[in-house]
């Protein structure tokens, strides 16, 4: 028993010795590695504090006037701005890395859609990104609208279905499903249209879009 304890003690001493040798041998690299980590973290915090946050504040301030112009149907003013405030194009260009700049892409896409410039609208709508269940699906649906107006029906229906799935609520999902079903009817795919109309009836029976859905189902069945 004493011999076994002696062996274990020797192994522990060897392990400690090896650790000491490692630290001694690589002391400078380890210290430099720690310094590098500290410097990197400091740089990240500095960029956020001195660069990103002020840019976010400036972008939000600029967005206010542009959004007001958009909501007042002054579409060109919202896009280009004037001598008093930056338009959405400038906000996207200068503050694209901020949350406000990201949102400006959505507004810019909608603005160009209102002007009938569907390809440009799709371009900016596609640049918008968000991880939530209201605005993100709405922008997917807006892209679908652009594609419909460009008569790219096969592509558009994918966006409507994607929007319905991402939204997954009884208010908006039926809207997107009905849009997708209408496009399927346009494409002559009555089976796919019927399936989506039936989904609205079964899954969202109390929604506004479920009212009169039997008429749509009957139409798809008889085509």
Foldseek 3Di string as FASTA:
>chain_A
DVVVVVVVVVVVVVVVVVVVVVCVVCVVVVVVVVVVVVVVVVVVVCCVPVPQVVLQVVLVVQQVVLVVCVVVVVLVCQQQPDPVGGHLVVSLVPVVVYPSNLVSLQSNLVSVVVVVNLVSSLVSLVSHDDQAQDVNLVSLLSNLVSCVSVVVLVVSLVSLCVSLVSNVDLECNLVSLQVSLVSCVVVVNLVSSLVSLVCCCPVNVPYPSVVVSVVVNVVSVVD
